[in-house]
């Protein structure tokens, strides 16, 4: 996953992955992307809901070796 910024929230529990992602997204320009890395299995639902609520785009998410990866595009 290519991104303009990578936010590593591994080991953090809800709501910290979303909090860190929001802060990082605020630094991006429209059209830029970020990857968020998380080990919190609840983050899948959290990110889907958060992206829908904030009107950004969840381009892709995957799970590999216990790490959830979310590619989010700022709209």
PDB file of N, CA and C in Angstrom:
ATOM      1  N   UNK A   1       0.839  -1.190   0.000  1.00  0.00           N
ATOM      2  CA  UNK A   1       0.000   0.000   0.000  1.00  0.00           C
ATOM      3  C   UNK A   1       0.873   1.238   0.000  1.00  0.00           C
ATOM      4  N   UNK A   2       0.716   2.064  -1.005  1.00  0.00           N
ATOM      5  CA  UNK A   2       1.430   3.333  -1.069  1.00  0.00           C
ATOM      6  C   UNK A   2       0.568   4.409  -0.417  1.00  0.00           C
ATOM      7  N   UNK A   3       1.215   5.278   0.336  1.00  0.00           N
ATOM      8  CA  UNK A   3       0.471   6.345   1.010  1.00  0.00           C
ATOM      9  C   UNK A   3       1.380   7.537   1.247  1.00  0.00           C
ATOM     10  N   UNK A   4       0.754   8.684   1.488  1.00  0.00           N
ATOM     11  CA  UNK A   4       1.504   9.897   1.801  1.00  0.00           C
ATOM     12  C   UNK A   4       1.990   9.897   3.246  1.00  0.00           C
ATOM     13  N   UNK A   5       1.284   9.168   4.110  1.00  0.00           N
ATOM     14  CA  UNK A   5       1.665   9.081   5.518  1.00  0.00           C
ATOM     15  C   UNK A   5       1.260   7.714   6.059  1.00  0.00           C
ATOM     16  N   UNK A   6       2.053   7.204   6.989  1.00  0.00           N
ATOM     17  CA  UNK A   6       1.739   5.935   7.652  1.00  0.00           C
ATOM     18  C   UNK A   6       1.548   6.227   9.133  1.00  0.00           C
ATOM     19  N   UNK A   7       0.440   5.751   9.671  1.00  0.00           N
ATOM     20  CA  UNK A   7       0.122   5.948  11.083  1.00  0.00           C
ATOM     21  C   UNK A   7       0.144   4.583  11.758  1.00  0.00           C
ATOM     22  N   UNK A   8       1.105   4.391  12.643  1.00  0.00           N
ATOM     23  CA  UNK A   8       1.270   3.101  13.330  1.00  0.00           C
ATOM     24  C   UNK A   8       0.570   3.163  14.684  1.00  0.00           C
ATOM     25  N   UNK A   9      -0.545   2.442  14.801  1.00  0.00           N
ATOM     26  CA  UNK A   9      -1.280   2.409  16.069  1.00  0.00           C
ATOM     27  C   UNK A   9      -1.280   0.999  16.655  1.00  0.00           C
ATOM     28  N   UNK A  10      -0.320   0.189  16.240  1.00  0.00           N
ATOM     29  CA  UNK A  10      -0.255  -1.189  16.749  1.00  0.00           C
ATOM     30  C   UNK A  10      -0.114  -1.171  18.270  1.00  0.00           C
ATOM     31  N   UNK A  11      -0.879  -2.033  18.936  1.00  0.00           N
ATOM     32  CA  UNK A  11      -0.846  -2.132  20.390  1.00  0.00           C
ATOM     33  C   UNK A  11      -1.805  -1.186  21.089  1.00  0.00           C
ATOM     34  N   UNK A  12      -2.431  -0.293  20.341  1.00  0.00           N
ATOM     35  CA  UNK A  12      -3.379   0.658  20.929  1.00  0.00           C
ATOM     36  C   UNK A  12      -4.799   0.118  20.814  1.00  0.00           C
ATOM     37  N   UNK A  13      -5.598   0.391  21.835  1.00  0.00           N
ATOM     38  CA  UNK A  13      -7.001  -0.038  21.842  1.00  0.00           C
ATOM     39  C   UNK A  13      -7.886   1.137  21.462  1.00  0.00           C
ATOM     40  N   UNK A  14      -9.096   0.812  21.056  1.00  0.00           N
ATOM     41  CA  UNK A  14     -10.108   1.798  20.711  1.00  0.00           C
ATOM     42  C   UNK A  14     -10.268   2.776  21.882  1.00  0.00           C
ATOM     43  N   UNK A  15     -10.352   4.045  21.646  1.00  0.00           N
ATOM     44  CA  UNK A  15     -10.501   4.757  20.380  1.00  0.00           C
ATOM     45  C   UNK A  15      -9.201   5.315  19.820  1.00  0.00           C
ATOM     46  N   UNK A  16      -8.047   4.946  20.375  1.00  0.00           N
ATOM     47  CA  UNK A  16      -6.787   5.580  19.986  1.00  0.00           C
ATOM     48  C   UNK A  16      -6.435   5.445  18.505  1.00  0.00           C
ATOM     49  N   UNK A  17      -6.665   4.299  17.840  1.00  0.00           N
ATOM     50  CA  UNK A  17      -6.358   4.262  16.405  1.00  0.00           C
ATOM     51  C   UNK A  17      -7.131   5.322  15.610  1.00  0.00           C
ATOM     52  N   UNK A  18      -8.387   5.538  15.962  1.00  0.00           N
ATOM     53  CA  UNK A  18      -9.190   6.556  15.277  1.00  0.00           C
ATOM     54  C   UNK A  18      -8.688   7.957  15.623  1.00  0.00           C
ATOM     55  N   UNK A  19      -8.355   8.192  16.868  1.00  0.00           N
ATOM     56  CA  UNK A  19      -7.856   9.499  17.305  1.00  0.00           C
ATOM     57  C   UNK A  19      -6.566   9.838  16.559  1.00  0.00           C
ATOM     58  N   UNK A  20      -5.640   8.898  16.503  1.00  0.00           N
ATOM     59  CA  UNK A  20      -4.364   9.124  15.809  1.00  0.00           C
ATOM     60  C   UNK A  20      -4.602   9.311  14.307  1.00  0.00           C
ATOM     61  N   UNK A  21      -5.519   8.524  13.739  1.00  0.00           N
ATOM     62  CA  UNK A  21      -5.814   8.632  12.312  1.00  0.00           C
ATOM     63  C   UNK A  21      -6.399  10.002  11.992  1.00  0.00           C
ATOM     64  N   UNK A  22      -7.298  10.493  12.832  1.00  0.00           N
ATOM     65  CA  UNK A  22      -7.913  11.801  12.596  1.00  0.00           C
ATOM     66  C   UNK A  22      -6.863  12.903  12.623  1.00  0.00           C
ATOM     67  N   UNK A  23      -5.964  12.855  13.593  1.00  0.00           N
ATOM     68  CA  UNK A  23      -4.914  13.868  13.689  1.00  0.00           C
ATOM     69  C   UNK A  23      -4.026  13.843  12.447  1.00  0.00           C
ATOM     70  N   UNK A  24      -3.693  12.658  11.985  1.00  0.00           N
ATOM     71  CA  UNK A  24      -2.848  12.531  10.797  1.00  0.00           C
ATOM     72  C   UNK A  24      -3.581  13.011   9.548  1.00  0.00           C
ATOM     73  N   UNK A  25      -4.847  12.646   9.432  1.00  0.00           N
ATOM     74  CA  UNK A  25      -5.643  13.029   8.264  1.00  0.00           C
ATOM     75  C   UNK A  25      -5.786  14.550   8.181  1.00  0.00           C
ATOM     76  N   UNK A  26      -5.847  15.201   9.315  1.00  0.00           N
ATOM     77  CA  UNK A  26      -5.964  16.665   9.347  1.00  0.00           C
ATOM     78  C   UNK A  26      -4.742  17.348   8.736  1.00  0.00           C
ATOM     79  N   UNK A  27      -3.607  16.668   8.691  1.00  0.00           N
ATOM     80  CA  UNK A  27      -2.384  17.255   8.133  1.00  0.00           C
ATOM     81  C   UNK A  27      -2.286  17.062   6.625  1.00  0.00           C
ATOM     82  N   UNK A  28      -3.156  16.226   6.059  1.00  0.00           N
ATOM     83  CA  UNK A  28      -3.100  15.919   4.633  1.00  0.00           C
ATOM     84  C   UNK A  28      -3.937  16.886   3.801  1.00  0.00           C
ATOM     85  N   UNK A  29      -3.568  16.977   2.531  1.00  0.00           N
ATOM     86  CA  UNK A  29      -4.333  17.747   1.565  1.00  0.00           C
ATOM     87  C   UNK A  29      -5.395  16.826   0.955  1.00  0.00           C
ATOM     88  N   UNK A  30      -6.446  17.414   0.402  1.00  0.00           N
ATOM     89  CA  UNK A  30      -7.474  16.640  -0.284  1.00  0.00           C
ATOM     90  C   UNK A  30      -6.817  15.813  -1.388  1.00  0.00           C
ATOM     91  N   UNK A  31      -7.182  14.541  -1.460  1.00  0.00           N
ATOM     92  CA  UNK A  31      -6.627  13.643  -2.468  1.00  0.00           C
ATOM     93  C   UNK A  31      -5.447  12.824  -1.984  1.00  0.00           C
ATOM     94  N   UNK A  32      -4.836  13.229  -0.867  1.00  0.00           N
ATOM     95  CA  UNK A  32      -3.724  12.453  -0.324  1.00  0.00           C
ATOM     96  C   UNK A  32      -4.264  11.265   0.460  1.00  0.00           C
ATOM     97  N   UNK A  33      -3.383  10.292   0.699  1.00  0.00           N
ATOM     98  CA  UNK A  33      -3.796   9.066   1.388  1.00  0.00           C
ATOM     99  C   UNK A  33      -2.922   8.782   2.590  1.00  0.00           C
ATOM    100  N   UNK A  34      -3.486   7.977   3.474  1.00  0.00           N
ATOM    101  CA  UNK A  34      -2.722   7.506   4.628  1.00  0.00           C
ATOM    102  C   UNK A  34      -3.009   6.027   4.833  1.00  0.00           C
ATOM    103  N   UNK A  35      -2.027   5.339   5.374  1.00  0.00           N
ATOM    104  CA  UNK A  35      -2.196   3.956   5.798  1.00  0.00           C
ATOM    105  C   UNK A  35      -2.179   3.965   7.318  1.00  0.00           C
ATOM    106  N   UNK A  36      -3.151   3.285   7.898  1.00  0.00           N
ATOM    107  CA  UNK A  36      -3.195   3.126   9.347  1.00  0.00           C
ATOM    108  C   UNK A  36      -2.962   1.658   9.652  1.00  0.00           C
ATOM    109  N   UNK A  37      -2.023   1.384  10.542  1.00  0.00           N
ATOM    110  CA  UNK A  37      -1.718   0.025  10.979  1.00  0.00           C
ATOM    111  C   UNK A  37      -2.272  -0.157  12.385  1.00  0.00           C
ATOM    112  N   UNK A  38      -2.995  -1.245  12.596  1.00  0.00           N
ATOM    113  CA  UNK A  38      -3.629  -1.486  13.896  1.00  0.00           C
ATOM    114  C   UNK A  38      -3.637  -2.973  14.211  1.00  0.00           C
ATOM    115  N   UNK A  39      -3.547  -3.286  15.488  1.00  0.00           N
ATOM    116  CA  UNK A  39      -3.677  -4.677  15.932  1.00  0.00           C
ATOM    117  C   UNK A  39      -5.007  -4.899  16.647  1.00  0.00           C
ATOM    118  N   UNK A  40      -5.810  -3.857  16.759  1.00  0.00           N
ATOM    119  CA  UNK A  40      -7.111  -3.933  17.428  1.00  0.00           C
ATOM    120  C   UNK A  40      -8.142  -4.480  16.443  1.00  0.00           C
ATOM    121  N   UNK A  41      -8.661  -5.692  16.726  1.00  0.00           N
ATOM    122  CA  UNK A  41      -9.599  -6.295  15.771  1.00  0.00           C
ATOM    123  C   UNK A  41     -10.900  -5.514  15.646  1.00  0.00           C
ATOM    124  N   UNK A  42     -11.228  -4.705  16.628  1.00  0.00           N
ATOM    125  CA  UNK A  42     -12.404  -3.855  16.543  1.00  0.00           C
ATOM    126  C   UNK A  42     -12.211  -2.688  15.580  1.00  0.00           C
ATOM    127  N   UNK A  43     -10.975  -2.472  15.162  1.00  0.00           N
ATOM    128  CA  UNK A  43     -10.693  -1.339  14.282  1.00  0.00           C
ATOM    129  C   UNK A  43     -11.330  -1.493  12.904  1.00  0.00           C
ATOM    130  N   UNK A  44     -11.612  -2.708  12.471  1.00  0.00           N
ATOM    131  CA  UNK A  44     -12.244  -2.907  11.162  1.00  0.00           C
ATOM    132  C   UNK A  44     -13.599  -2.191  11.129  1.00  0.00           C
ATOM    133  N   UNK A  45     -14.441  -2.485  12.093  1.00  0.00           N
ATOM    134  CA  UNK A  45     -15.744  -1.818  12.167  1.00  0.00           C
ATOM    135  C   UNK A  45     -15.596  -0.337  12.462  1.00  0.00           C
ATOM    136  N   UNK A  46     -14.656  -0.004  13.348  1.00  0.00           N
ATOM    137  CA  UNK A  46     -14.446   1.398  13.722  1.00  0.00           C
ATOM    138  C   UNK A  46     -14.065   2.241  12.506  1.00  0.00           C
ATOM    139  N   UNK A  47     -13.123   1.751  11.696  1.00  0.00           N
ATOM    140  CA  UNK A  47     -12.678   2.533  10.543  1.00  0.00           C
ATOM    141  C   UNK A  47     -13.752   2.631   9.469  1.00  0.00           C
ATOM    142  N   UNK A  48     -14.484   1.570   9.251  1.00  0.00           N
ATOM    143  CA  UNK A  48     -15.568   1.631   8.270  1.00  0.00           C
ATOM    144  C   UNK A  48     -16.600   2.678   8.671  1.00  0.00           C
ATOM    145  N   UNK A  49     -16.962   2.703   9.937  1.00  0.00           N
ATOM    146  CA  UNK A  49     -17.940   3.679  10.429  1.00  0.00           C
ATOM    147  C   UNK A  49     -17.371   5.095  10.408  1.00  0.00           C
ATOM    148  N   UNK A  50     -16.132   5.247  10.834  1.00  0.00           N
ATOM    149  CA  UNK A  50     -15.505   6.567  10.903  1.00  0.00           C
ATOM    150  C   UNK A  50     -15.366   7.189   9.512  1.00  0.00           C
ATOM    151  N   UNK A  51     -14.912   6.405   8.545  1.00  0.00           N
ATOM    152  CA  UNK A  51     -14.729   6.916   7.188  1.00  0.00           C
ATOM    153  C   UNK A  51     -16.072   7.318   6.587  1.00  0.00           C
ATOM    154  N   UNK A  52     -17.085   6.510   6.824  1.00  0.00           N
ATOM    155  CA  UNK A  52     -18.422   6.831   6.312  1.00  0.00           C
ATOM    156  C   UNK A  52     -18.941   8.121   6.952  1.00  0.00           C
ATOM    157  N   UNK A  53     -18.741   8.255   8.244  1.00  0.00           N
ATOM    158  CA  UNK A  53     -19.221   9.427   8.981  1.00  0.00           C
ATOM    159  C   UNK A  53     -18.477  10.699   8.563  1.00  0.00           C
ATOM    160  N   UNK A  54     -17.182  10.587   8.314  1.00  0.00           N
ATOM    161  CA  UNK A  54     -16.373  11.762   7.980  1.00  0.00           C
ATOM    162  C   UNK A  54     -16.330  12.042   6.486  1.00  0.00           C
ATOM    163  N   UNK A  55     -16.946  11.175   5.690  1.00  0.00           N
ATOM    164  CA  UNK A  55     -17.048  11.343   4.237  1.00  0.00           C
ATOM    165  C   UNK A  55     -15.699  11.259   3.524  1.00  0.00           C
ATOM    166  N   UNK A  56     -14.773  10.501   4.083  1.00  0.00           N
ATOM    167  CA  UNK A  56     -13.521  10.199   3.392  1.00  0.00           C
ATOM    168  C   UNK A  56     -13.699   8.832   2.745  1.00  0.00           C
ATOM    169  N   UNK A  57     -12.678   8.343   2.061  1.00  0.00           N
ATOM    170  CA  UNK A  57     -12.824   7.095   1.324  1.00  0.00           C
ATOM    171  C   UNK A  57     -11.884   6.022   1.875  1.00  0.00           C
ATOM    172  N   UNK A  58     -12.465   4.902   2.281  1.00  0.00           N
ATOM    173  CA  UNK A  58     -11.666   3.740   2.663  1.00  0.00           C
ATOM    174  C   UNK A  58     -11.397   2.980   1.373  1.00  0.00           C
ATOM    175  N   UNK A  59     -10.206   3.157   0.835  1.00  0.00           N
ATOM    176  CA  UNK A  59      -9.867   2.568  -0.452  1.00  0.00           C
ATOM    177  C   UNK A  59      -9.673   1.062  -0.324  1.00  0.00           C
ATOM    178  N   UNK A  60      -9.024   0.657   0.765  1.00  0.00           N
ATOM    179  CA  UNK A  60      -8.686  -0.756   0.912  1.00  0.00           C
ATOM    180  C   UNK A  60      -8.406  -1.049   2.379  1.00  0.00           C
ATOM    181  N   UNK A  61      -8.749  -2.262   2.787  1.00  0.00           N
ATOM    182  CA  UNK A  61      -8.264  -2.719   4.093  1.00  0.00           C
ATOM    183  C   UNK A  61      -7.916  -4.190   3.971  1.00  0.00           C
ATOM    184  N   UNK A  62      -6.890  -4.567   4.706  1.00  0.00           N
ATOM    185  CA  UNK A  62      -6.443  -5.958   4.679  1.00  0.00           C
ATOM    186  C   UNK A  62      -5.930  -6.355   6.056  1.00  0.00           C
ATOM    187  N   UNK A  63      -5.816  -7.647   6.245  1.00  0.00           N
ATOM    188  CA  UNK A  63      -5.361  -8.210   7.513  1.00  0.00           C
ATOM    189  C   UNK A  63      -4.235  -9.181   7.203  1.00  0.00           C
ATOM    190  N   UNK A  64      -3.080  -8.961   7.831  1.00  0.00           N
ATOM    191  CA  UNK A  64      -1.925  -9.801   7.558  1.00  0.00           C
ATOM    192  C   UNK A  64      -1.082  -9.923   8.829  1.00  0.00           C
ATOM    193  N   UNK A  65      -0.846 -11.149   9.263  1.00  0.00           N
ATOM    194  CA  UNK A  65      -0.007 -11.419  10.433  1.00  0.00           C
ATOM    195  C   UNK A  65      -0.452 -10.647  11.671  1.00  0.00           C
ATOM    196  N   UNK A  66      -1.766 -10.561  11.886  1.00  0.00           N
ATOM    197  CA  UNK A  66      -2.292  -9.908  13.077  1.00  0.00           C
ATOM    198  C   UNK A  66      -2.362  -8.391  12.991  1.00  0.00           C
ATOM    199  N   UNK A  67      -2.011  -7.838  11.833  1.00  0.00           N
ATOM    200  CA  UNK A  67      -2.031  -6.384  11.662  1.00  0.00           C
ATOM    201  C   UNK A  67      -3.084  -6.023  10.618  1.00  0.00           C
ATOM    202  N   UNK A  68      -3.948  -5.098  10.991  1.00  0.00           N
ATOM    203  CA  UNK A  68      -4.968  -4.580  10.082  1.00  0.00           C
ATOM    204  C   UNK A  68      -4.376  -3.329   9.418  1.00  0.00           C
ATOM    205  N   UNK A  69      -4.530  -3.245   8.101  1.00  0.00           N
ATOM    206  CA  UNK A  69      -4.016  -2.107   7.348  1.00  0.00           C
ATOM    207  C   UNK A  69      -5.183  -1.445   6.633  1.00  0.00           C
ATOM    208  N   UNK A  70      -5.300  -0.145   6.822  1.00  0.00           N
ATOM    209  CA  UNK A  70      -6.379   0.634   6.215  1.00  0.00           C
ATOM    210  C   UNK A  70      -5.778   1.733   5.346  1.00  0.00           C
ATOM    211  N   UNK A  71      -6.204   1.799   4.094  1.00  0.00           N
ATOM    212  CA  UNK A  71      -5.774   2.871   3.201  1.00  0.00           C
ATOM    213  C   UNK A  71      -6.957   3.829   3.059  1.00  0.00           C
ATOM    214  N   UNK A  72      -6.740   5.055   3.530  1.00  0.00           N
ATOM    215  CA  UNK A  72      -7.802   6.056   3.565  1.00  0.00           C
ATOM    216  C   UNK A  72      -7.396   7.254   2.712  1.00  0.00           C
ATOM    217  N   UNK A  73      -8.325   7.711   1.876  1.00  0.00           N
ATOM    218  CA  UNK A  73      -8.098   8.871   1.026  1.00  0.00           C
ATOM    219  C   UNK A  73      -8.897  10.062   1.576  1.00  0.00           C
ATOM    220  N   UNK A  74      -8.219  11.178   1.723  1.00  0.00           N
ATOM    221  CA  UNK A  74      -8.896  12.387   2.201  1.00  0.00           C
ATOM    222  C   UNK A  74      -9.680  13.012   1.057  1.00  0.00           C
ATOM    223  N   UNK A  75     -10.967  13.247   1.299  1.00  0.00           N
ATOM    224  CA  UNK A  75     -11.813  13.872   0.282  1.00  0.00           C
ATOM    225  C   UNK A  75     -12.181  15.285   0.693  1.00  0.00           C
TER     226      UNK A  75
END
